[in-house]
Amino acid sequence: MHMNIAEPRTRQTKYCVQIEEIIKRLGHASNAQILIELNKIYPGVSTTTVHRATARLAARGELGVGPVDLGGAMRYDANVTPHDHFLCVRCGLLRDADIARHVAPLLEDTIEGCRVSGRITISGTCKACNTKGRFYA
């Protein structure tokens, strides 16, 4: 006798669905930013609900974890494939980048015995901040 056992279902609440949509729209977002956007759809949703949902989505690999924002808050990333980032130290802009393949060999050649194994975040000032004369000192 063959029993058809169903795969365990992954919990996907209405909040998780909306959080994924918010992250896709914003690209990168902290829980505070997600809460602001989610409250537009579900007024009164709690900070705890957002924290639990983002932690669950990240643990399942449905959200990536990006570099922290300028205030030190964790940011989630719509792009779940391994990639690098550029972070503007003036305005906090965070953009995906593909630089490890160029930078890792330079680091490994410069620092004896060094092996780069993770992704890289480069910080500087973005075009908008440079244009406005808000150079990083």
N, C-alpha and C. Protein backbone atom coordinates (compact mmCIF):
# COMPACT_ATOMS: atom_id res chain seq x y z
N MET A 1 0.84 -1.17 0.00
CA MET A 1 0.00 0.00 0.00
C MET A 1 0.89 1.24 0.00
N HIS A 2 0.68 2.12 -0.94
CA HIS A 2 1.47 3.34 -1.07
C HIS A 2 0.72 4.51 -0.47
N MET A 3 1.40 5.21 0.45
CA MET A 3 0.78 6.39 1.07
C MET A 3 1.40 7.63 0.44
N ASN A 4 0.56 8.51 0.05
CA ASN A 4 1.03 9.77 -0.50
C ASN A 4 1.14 10.79 0.63
N ILE A 5 2.36 11.06 1.03
CA ILE A 5 2.59 12.00 2.12
C ILE A 5 2.88 13.36 1.52
N ALA A 6 2.10 14.32 1.92
CA ALA A 6 2.26 15.68 1.40
C ALA A 6 3.50 16.33 2.01
N GLU A 7 4.12 17.17 1.21
CA GLU A 7 5.26 17.95 1.70
C GLU A 7 4.76 18.88 2.81
N PRO A 8 5.61 19.11 3.82
CA PRO A 8 5.18 20.06 4.85
C PRO A 8 4.99 21.44 4.24
N ARG A 9 3.95 22.11 4.63
CA ARG A 9 3.63 23.42 4.08
C ARG A 9 4.46 24.48 4.77
N THR A 10 4.92 25.41 4.00
CA THR A 10 5.66 26.53 4.53
C THR A 10 4.65 27.61 4.91
N ARG A 11 4.79 28.12 6.12
CA ARG A 11 3.87 29.15 6.58
C ARG A 11 4.09 30.43 5.79
N GLN A 12 3.05 30.88 5.14
CA GLN A 12 3.14 32.09 4.33
C GLN A 12 1.95 32.97 4.70
N THR A 13 2.15 33.84 5.69
CA THR A 13 1.07 34.70 6.14
C THR A 13 0.86 35.85 5.15
N LYS A 14 -0.25 36.54 5.32
CA LYS A 14 -0.53 37.70 4.48
C LYS A 14 0.56 38.75 4.67
N TYR A 15 1.12 38.82 5.87
CA TYR A 15 2.19 39.78 6.13
C TYR A 15 3.46 39.40 5.36
N CYS A 16 3.78 38.11 5.34
CA CYS A 16 4.96 37.66 4.60
C CYS A 16 4.84 37.98 3.12
N VAL A 17 3.68 37.74 2.56
CA VAL A 17 3.44 38.03 1.15
C VAL A 17 3.67 39.51 0.88
N GLN A 18 3.10 40.37 1.72
CA GLN A 18 3.25 41.81 1.53
C GLN A 18 4.68 42.27 1.76
N ILE A 19 5.36 41.69 2.74
CA ILE A 19 6.76 42.05 3.01
C ILE A 19 7.63 41.72 1.81
N GLU A 20 7.41 40.56 1.20
CA GLU A 20 8.16 40.22 -0.01
C GLU A 20 7.92 41.24 -1.12
N GLU A 21 6.68 41.68 -1.26
CA GLU A 21 6.35 42.69 -2.28
C GLU A 21 7.03 44.02 -1.97
N ILE A 22 7.03 44.41 -0.71
CA ILE A 22 7.66 45.67 -0.29
C ILE A 22 9.15 45.63 -0.59
N ILE A 23 9.80 44.52 -0.22
CA ILE A 23 11.25 44.39 -0.44
C ILE A 23 11.55 44.40 -1.95
N LYS A 24 10.74 43.73 -2.74
CA LYS A 24 10.95 43.73 -4.20
C LYS A 24 10.86 45.15 -4.75
N ARG A 25 9.92 45.93 -4.23
CA ARG A 25 9.73 47.30 -4.70
C ARG A 25 10.88 48.21 -4.24
N LEU A 26 11.31 48.06 -2.99
CA LEU A 26 12.35 48.92 -2.45
C LEU A 26 13.77 48.43 -2.74
N GLY A 27 13.92 47.13 -2.95
CA GLY A 27 15.24 46.55 -3.18
C GLY A 27 15.94 46.15 -1.90
N HIS A 28 16.07 47.10 -0.97
CA HIS A 28 16.66 46.87 0.34
C HIS A 28 15.82 47.64 1.35
N ALA A 29 15.59 47.07 2.52
CA ALA A 29 14.80 47.79 3.53
C ALA A 29 15.05 47.23 4.92
N SER A 30 14.99 48.11 5.90
CA SER A 30 15.09 47.70 7.30
C SER A 30 13.69 47.33 7.79
N ASN A 31 13.62 46.71 8.96
CA ASN A 31 12.31 46.38 9.52
C ASN A 31 11.49 47.64 9.76
N ALA A 32 12.14 48.75 10.15
CA ALA A 32 11.42 50.00 10.37
C ALA A 32 10.79 50.50 9.07
N GLN A 33 11.53 50.42 7.97
CA GLN A 33 10.99 50.84 6.68
C GLN A 33 9.85 49.92 6.24
N ILE A 34 10.03 48.63 6.47
CA ILE A 34 8.98 47.66 6.12
C ILE A 34 7.73 47.93 6.94
N LEU A 35 7.89 48.23 8.22
CA LEU A 35 6.75 48.51 9.09
C LEU A 35 5.95 49.71 8.59
N ILE A 36 6.64 50.76 8.18
CA ILE A 36 5.96 51.95 7.65
C ILE A 36 5.12 51.58 6.43
N GLU A 37 5.71 50.83 5.51
CA GLU A 37 4.99 50.43 4.30
C GLU A 37 3.86 49.46 4.60
N LEU A 38 4.09 48.52 5.49
CA LEU A 38 3.09 47.51 5.82
C LEU A 38 1.90 48.14 6.54
N ASN A 39 2.16 49.17 7.35
CA ASN A 39 1.07 49.85 8.06
C ASN A 39 0.13 50.57 7.11
N LYS A 40 0.57 50.87 5.89
CA LYS A 40 -0.30 51.49 4.89
C LYS A 40 -1.37 50.51 4.43
N ILE A 41 -1.03 49.22 4.49
CA ILE A 41 -1.95 48.17 4.04
C ILE A 41 -2.68 47.56 5.22
N TYR A 42 -1.93 47.31 6.30
CA TYR A 42 -2.47 46.71 7.52
C TYR A 42 -2.18 47.63 8.70
N PRO A 43 -3.02 48.66 8.90
CA PRO A 43 -2.78 49.57 10.01
C PRO A 43 -2.74 48.83 11.34
N GLY A 44 -1.79 49.18 12.17
CA GLY A 44 -1.70 48.57 13.49
C GLY A 44 -0.86 47.32 13.56
N VAL A 45 -0.28 46.86 12.44
CA VAL A 45 0.58 45.68 12.50
C VAL A 45 1.75 46.01 13.42
N SER A 46 2.17 45.05 14.22
CA SER A 46 3.18 45.32 15.24
C SER A 46 4.60 45.14 14.71
N THR A 47 5.53 45.80 15.41
CA THR A 47 6.95 45.65 15.12
C THR A 47 7.37 44.19 15.27
N THR A 48 6.85 43.53 16.29
CA THR A 48 7.18 42.12 16.53
C THR A 48 6.76 41.25 15.36
N THR A 49 5.59 41.51 14.80
CA THR A 49 5.12 40.74 13.65
C THR A 49 6.07 40.91 12.47
N VAL A 50 6.52 42.13 12.22
CA VAL A 50 7.45 42.39 11.12
C VAL A 50 8.78 41.67 11.38
N HIS A 51 9.31 41.78 12.60
CA HIS A 51 10.57 41.11 12.93
C HIS A 51 10.47 39.60 12.74
N ARG A 52 9.40 39.02 13.21
CA ARG A 52 9.23 37.56 13.08
C ARG A 52 9.10 37.15 11.61
N ALA A 53 8.33 37.92 10.86
CA ALA A 53 8.11 37.58 9.44
C ALA A 53 9.40 37.71 8.64
N THR A 54 10.16 38.79 8.84
CA THR A 54 11.40 38.96 8.08
C THR A 54 12.43 37.91 8.48
N ALA A 55 12.49 37.58 9.76
CA ALA A 55 13.42 36.53 10.21
C ALA A 55 13.05 35.20 9.57
N ARG A 56 11.76 34.89 9.49
CA ARG A 56 11.29 33.64 8.89
C ARG A 56 11.62 33.62 7.39
N LEU A 57 11.36 34.71 6.70
CA LEU A 57 11.63 34.77 5.26
C LEU A 57 13.13 34.66 4.97
N ALA A 58 13.94 35.31 5.79
CA ALA A 58 15.40 35.22 5.61
C ALA A 58 15.90 33.81 5.90
N ALA A 59 15.39 33.18 6.94
CA ALA A 59 15.80 31.82 7.28
C ALA A 59 15.45 30.83 6.17
N ARG A 60 14.36 31.08 5.48
CA ARG A 60 13.95 30.22 4.36
C ARG A 60 14.66 30.58 3.06
N GLY A 61 15.45 31.63 3.07
CA GLY A 61 16.16 32.04 1.87
C GLY A 61 15.30 32.83 0.89
N GLU A 62 14.16 33.30 1.35
CA GLU A 62 13.27 34.06 0.48
C GLU A 62 13.60 35.55 0.50
N LEU A 63 14.37 35.98 1.49
CA LEU A 63 14.92 37.33 1.56
C LEU A 63 16.40 37.21 1.83
N GLY A 64 17.18 38.08 1.24
CA GLY A 64 18.59 38.15 1.55
C GLY A 64 18.81 39.11 2.70
N VAL A 65 19.97 39.04 3.30
CA VAL A 65 20.33 39.98 4.35
C VAL A 65 21.44 40.86 3.80
N GLY A 66 21.19 42.16 3.81
CA GLY A 66 22.16 43.11 3.28
C GLY A 66 22.94 43.77 4.39
N PRO A 67 23.84 44.67 4.03
CA PRO A 67 24.59 45.42 5.03
C PRO A 67 23.66 46.30 5.87
N VAL A 68 24.06 46.57 7.09
CA VAL A 68 23.24 47.40 7.98
C VAL A 68 23.17 48.83 7.44
N ASP A 69 22.12 49.55 7.86
CA ASP A 69 21.99 50.94 7.43
C ASP A 69 22.90 51.83 8.27
N LEU A 70 22.89 53.13 8.02
CA LEU A 70 23.79 54.05 8.71
C LEU A 70 23.54 54.11 10.21
N GLY A 71 22.34 53.74 10.64
CA GLY A 71 22.01 53.70 12.06
C GLY A 71 22.29 52.35 12.71
N GLY A 72 22.77 51.40 11.92
CA GLY A 72 23.10 50.08 12.45
C GLY A 72 21.98 49.05 12.38
N ALA A 73 20.85 49.41 11.76
CA ALA A 73 19.72 48.48 11.64
C ALA A 73 19.95 47.50 10.50
N MET A 74 19.56 46.26 10.73
CA MET A 74 19.67 45.23 9.69
C MET A 74 18.79 45.59 8.52
N ARG A 75 19.29 45.30 7.32
CA ARG A 75 18.50 45.52 6.11
C ARG A 75 18.32 44.20 5.39
N TYR A 76 17.14 44.04 4.83
CA TYR A 76 16.83 42.87 4.03
C TYR A 76 16.96 43.23 2.57
N ASP A 77 17.23 42.21 1.77
CA ASP A 77 17.57 42.38 0.37
C ASP A 77 16.67 41.52 -0.49
N ALA A 78 16.13 42.10 -1.56
CA ALA A 78 15.28 41.34 -2.49
C ALA A 78 16.11 40.34 -3.29
N ASN A 79 17.38 40.64 -3.49
CA ASN A 79 18.27 39.78 -4.27
C ASN A 79 18.87 38.72 -3.34
N VAL A 80 18.48 37.48 -3.53
CA VAL A 80 18.95 36.40 -2.65
C VAL A 80 20.20 35.69 -3.18
N THR A 81 20.63 36.05 -4.39
CA THR A 81 21.87 35.45 -4.91
C THR A 81 23.07 36.18 -4.32
N PRO A 82 24.19 35.50 -4.12
CA PRO A 82 25.37 36.16 -3.54
C PRO A 82 25.81 37.34 -4.41
N HIS A 83 25.99 38.50 -3.77
CA HIS A 83 26.42 39.70 -4.48
C HIS A 83 27.02 40.70 -3.50
N ASP A 84 27.64 41.72 -4.04
CA ASP A 84 28.29 42.74 -3.25
C ASP A 84 27.40 43.98 -3.22
N HIS A 85 27.84 44.99 -2.44
CA HIS A 85 27.06 46.21 -2.31
C HIS A 85 27.94 47.44 -2.32
N PHE A 86 27.33 48.56 -2.73
CA PHE A 86 27.90 49.89 -2.56
C PHE A 86 26.99 50.61 -1.58
N LEU A 87 27.58 51.24 -0.55
CA LEU A 87 26.84 51.96 0.48
C LEU A 87 27.30 53.41 0.51
N CYS A 88 26.37 54.35 0.29
CA CYS A 88 26.69 55.77 0.39
C CYS A 88 26.71 56.15 1.87
N VAL A 89 27.84 56.68 2.32
CA VAL A 89 28.00 57.02 3.74
C VAL A 89 27.33 58.35 4.11
N ARG A 90 26.82 59.06 3.12
CA ARG A 90 26.14 60.33 3.39
C ARG A 90 24.62 60.14 3.49
N CYS A 91 24.03 59.49 2.49
CA CYS A 91 22.56 59.37 2.45
C CYS A 91 22.06 57.97 2.78
N GLY A 92 22.95 56.98 2.84
CA GLY A 92 22.55 55.62 3.16
C GLY A 92 22.11 54.78 1.98
N LEU A 93 22.17 55.32 0.77
CA LEU A 93 21.81 54.57 -0.43
C LEU A 93 22.56 53.25 -0.45
N LEU A 94 21.87 52.18 -0.75
CA LEU A 94 22.50 50.87 -0.87
C LEU A 94 22.15 50.30 -2.23
N ARG A 95 23.16 49.90 -2.99
CA ARG A 95 22.97 49.35 -4.32
C ARG A 95 23.74 48.05 -4.47
N ASP A 96 23.14 47.13 -5.22
CA ASP A 96 23.83 45.88 -5.52
C ASP A 96 25.01 46.16 -6.45
N ALA A 97 26.06 45.38 -6.29
CA ALA A 97 27.25 45.54 -7.12
C ALA A 97 27.87 44.16 -7.34
N ASP A 98 28.70 44.06 -8.35
CA ASP A 98 29.44 42.82 -8.63
C ASP A 98 30.92 43.21 -8.69
N ILE A 99 31.55 43.24 -7.52
CA ILE A 99 32.93 43.71 -7.44
C ILE A 99 33.89 42.69 -6.86
N ALA A 100 33.41 41.66 -6.20
CA ALA A 100 34.30 40.71 -5.53
C ALA A 100 35.28 40.07 -6.51
N ARG A 101 34.83 39.78 -7.71
CA ARG A 101 35.73 39.12 -8.67
C ARG A 101 36.89 40.02 -9.08
N HIS A 102 36.71 41.35 -8.94
CA HIS A 102 37.78 42.29 -9.26
C HIS A 102 38.63 42.62 -8.04
N VAL A 103 37.97 42.78 -6.88
CA VAL A 103 38.66 43.23 -5.67
C VAL A 103 39.35 42.08 -4.93
N ALA A 104 38.73 40.92 -4.88
CA ALA A 104 39.30 39.80 -4.13
C ALA A 104 40.72 39.46 -4.57
N PRO A 105 41.01 39.35 -5.86
CA PRO A 105 42.39 39.05 -6.26
C PRO A 105 43.38 40.13 -5.82
N LEU A 106 42.97 41.39 -5.84
CA LEU A 106 43.83 42.48 -5.39
C LEU A 106 44.16 42.35 -3.90
N LEU A 107 43.13 42.06 -3.11
CA LEU A 107 43.35 41.88 -1.68
C LEU A 107 44.26 40.69 -1.40
N GLU A 108 44.00 39.61 -2.09
CA GLU A 108 44.79 38.40 -1.87
C GLU A 108 46.24 38.58 -2.30
N ASP A 109 46.47 39.41 -3.32
CA ASP A 109 47.84 39.71 -3.74
C ASP A 109 48.54 40.67 -2.78
N THR A 110 47.76 41.57 -2.19
CA THR A 110 48.31 42.61 -1.33
C THR A 110 48.59 42.10 0.09
N ILE A 111 47.68 41.30 0.62
CA ILE A 111 47.80 40.82 2.00
C ILE A 111 48.21 39.35 1.96
N GLU A 112 49.43 39.09 2.34
CA GLU A 112 49.98 37.73 2.28
C GLU A 112 49.13 36.75 3.07
N GLY A 113 48.77 35.66 2.44
CA GLY A 113 47.99 34.60 3.08
C GLY A 113 46.49 34.87 3.15
N CYS A 114 46.06 36.01 2.66
CA CYS A 114 44.65 36.41 2.70
C CYS A 114 43.85 35.64 1.65
N ARG A 115 42.68 35.11 2.03
CA ARG A 115 41.74 34.48 1.12
C ARG A 115 40.38 35.10 1.35
N VAL A 116 39.83 35.75 0.36
CA VAL A 116 38.52 36.37 0.48
C VAL A 116 37.47 35.29 0.28
N SER A 117 36.57 35.16 1.26
CA SER A 117 35.55 34.11 1.18
C SER A 117 34.13 34.65 1.24
N GLY A 118 33.96 35.92 1.56
CA GLY A 118 32.62 36.48 1.66
C GLY A 118 32.37 37.52 0.61
N ARG A 119 31.27 38.18 0.74
CA ARG A 119 30.91 39.24 -0.18
C ARG A 119 31.48 40.56 0.34
N ILE A 120 31.52 41.57 -0.50
CA ILE A 120 32.19 42.82 -0.19
C ILE A 120 31.20 43.98 -0.22
N THR A 121 31.33 44.88 0.76
CA THR A 121 30.58 46.13 0.76
C THR A 121 31.58 47.26 0.65
N ILE A 122 31.44 48.07 -0.38
CA ILE A 122 32.30 49.24 -0.59
C ILE A 122 31.50 50.46 -0.17
N SER A 123 32.11 51.33 0.62
CA SER A 123 31.42 52.55 1.02
C SER A 123 32.07 53.75 0.37
N GLY A 124 31.28 54.77 0.17
CA GLY A 124 31.72 56.01 -0.46
C GLY A 124 30.54 56.95 -0.56
N THR A 125 30.58 57.85 -1.52
CA THR A 125 29.45 58.75 -1.72
C THR A 125 28.85 58.50 -3.10
N CYS A 126 27.54 58.52 -3.15
CA CYS A 126 26.82 58.26 -4.41
C CYS A 126 26.85 59.49 -5.31
N LYS A 127 26.40 59.32 -6.52
CA LYS A 127 26.38 60.39 -7.51
C LYS A 127 25.57 61.58 -7.03
N ALA A 128 24.40 61.33 -6.44
CA ALA A 128 23.55 62.43 -5.98
C ALA A 128 24.24 63.24 -4.90
N CYS A 129 24.89 62.57 -3.96
CA CYS A 129 25.60 63.30 -2.89
C CYS A 129 26.80 64.04 -3.45
N ASN A 130 27.50 63.46 -4.39
CA ASN A 130 28.63 64.14 -5.02
C ASN A 130 28.17 65.35 -5.81
N THR A 131 27.06 65.23 -6.51
CA THR A 131 26.52 66.33 -7.31
C THR A 131 26.10 67.50 -6.43
N LYS A 132 25.56 67.18 -5.27
CA LYS A 132 25.10 68.21 -4.33
C LYS A 132 26.26 68.80 -3.53
N GLY A 133 27.46 68.30 -3.76
CA GLY A 133 28.61 68.82 -3.04
C GLY A 133 28.73 68.29 -1.63
N ARG A 134 28.05 67.18 -1.35
CA ARG A 134 28.10 66.60 0.00
C ARG A 134 29.17 65.52 0.02
N PHE A 135 30.38 65.90 -0.21
CA PHE A 135 31.49 64.94 -0.26
C PHE A 135 31.77 64.40 1.13
N TYR A 136 32.21 63.18 1.16
CA TYR A 136 32.59 62.54 2.42
C TYR A 136 33.99 63.03 2.81
N ALA A 137 34.10 63.48 4.02
CA ALA A 137 35.41 63.97 4.49
C ALA A 137 36.18 62.87 5.15
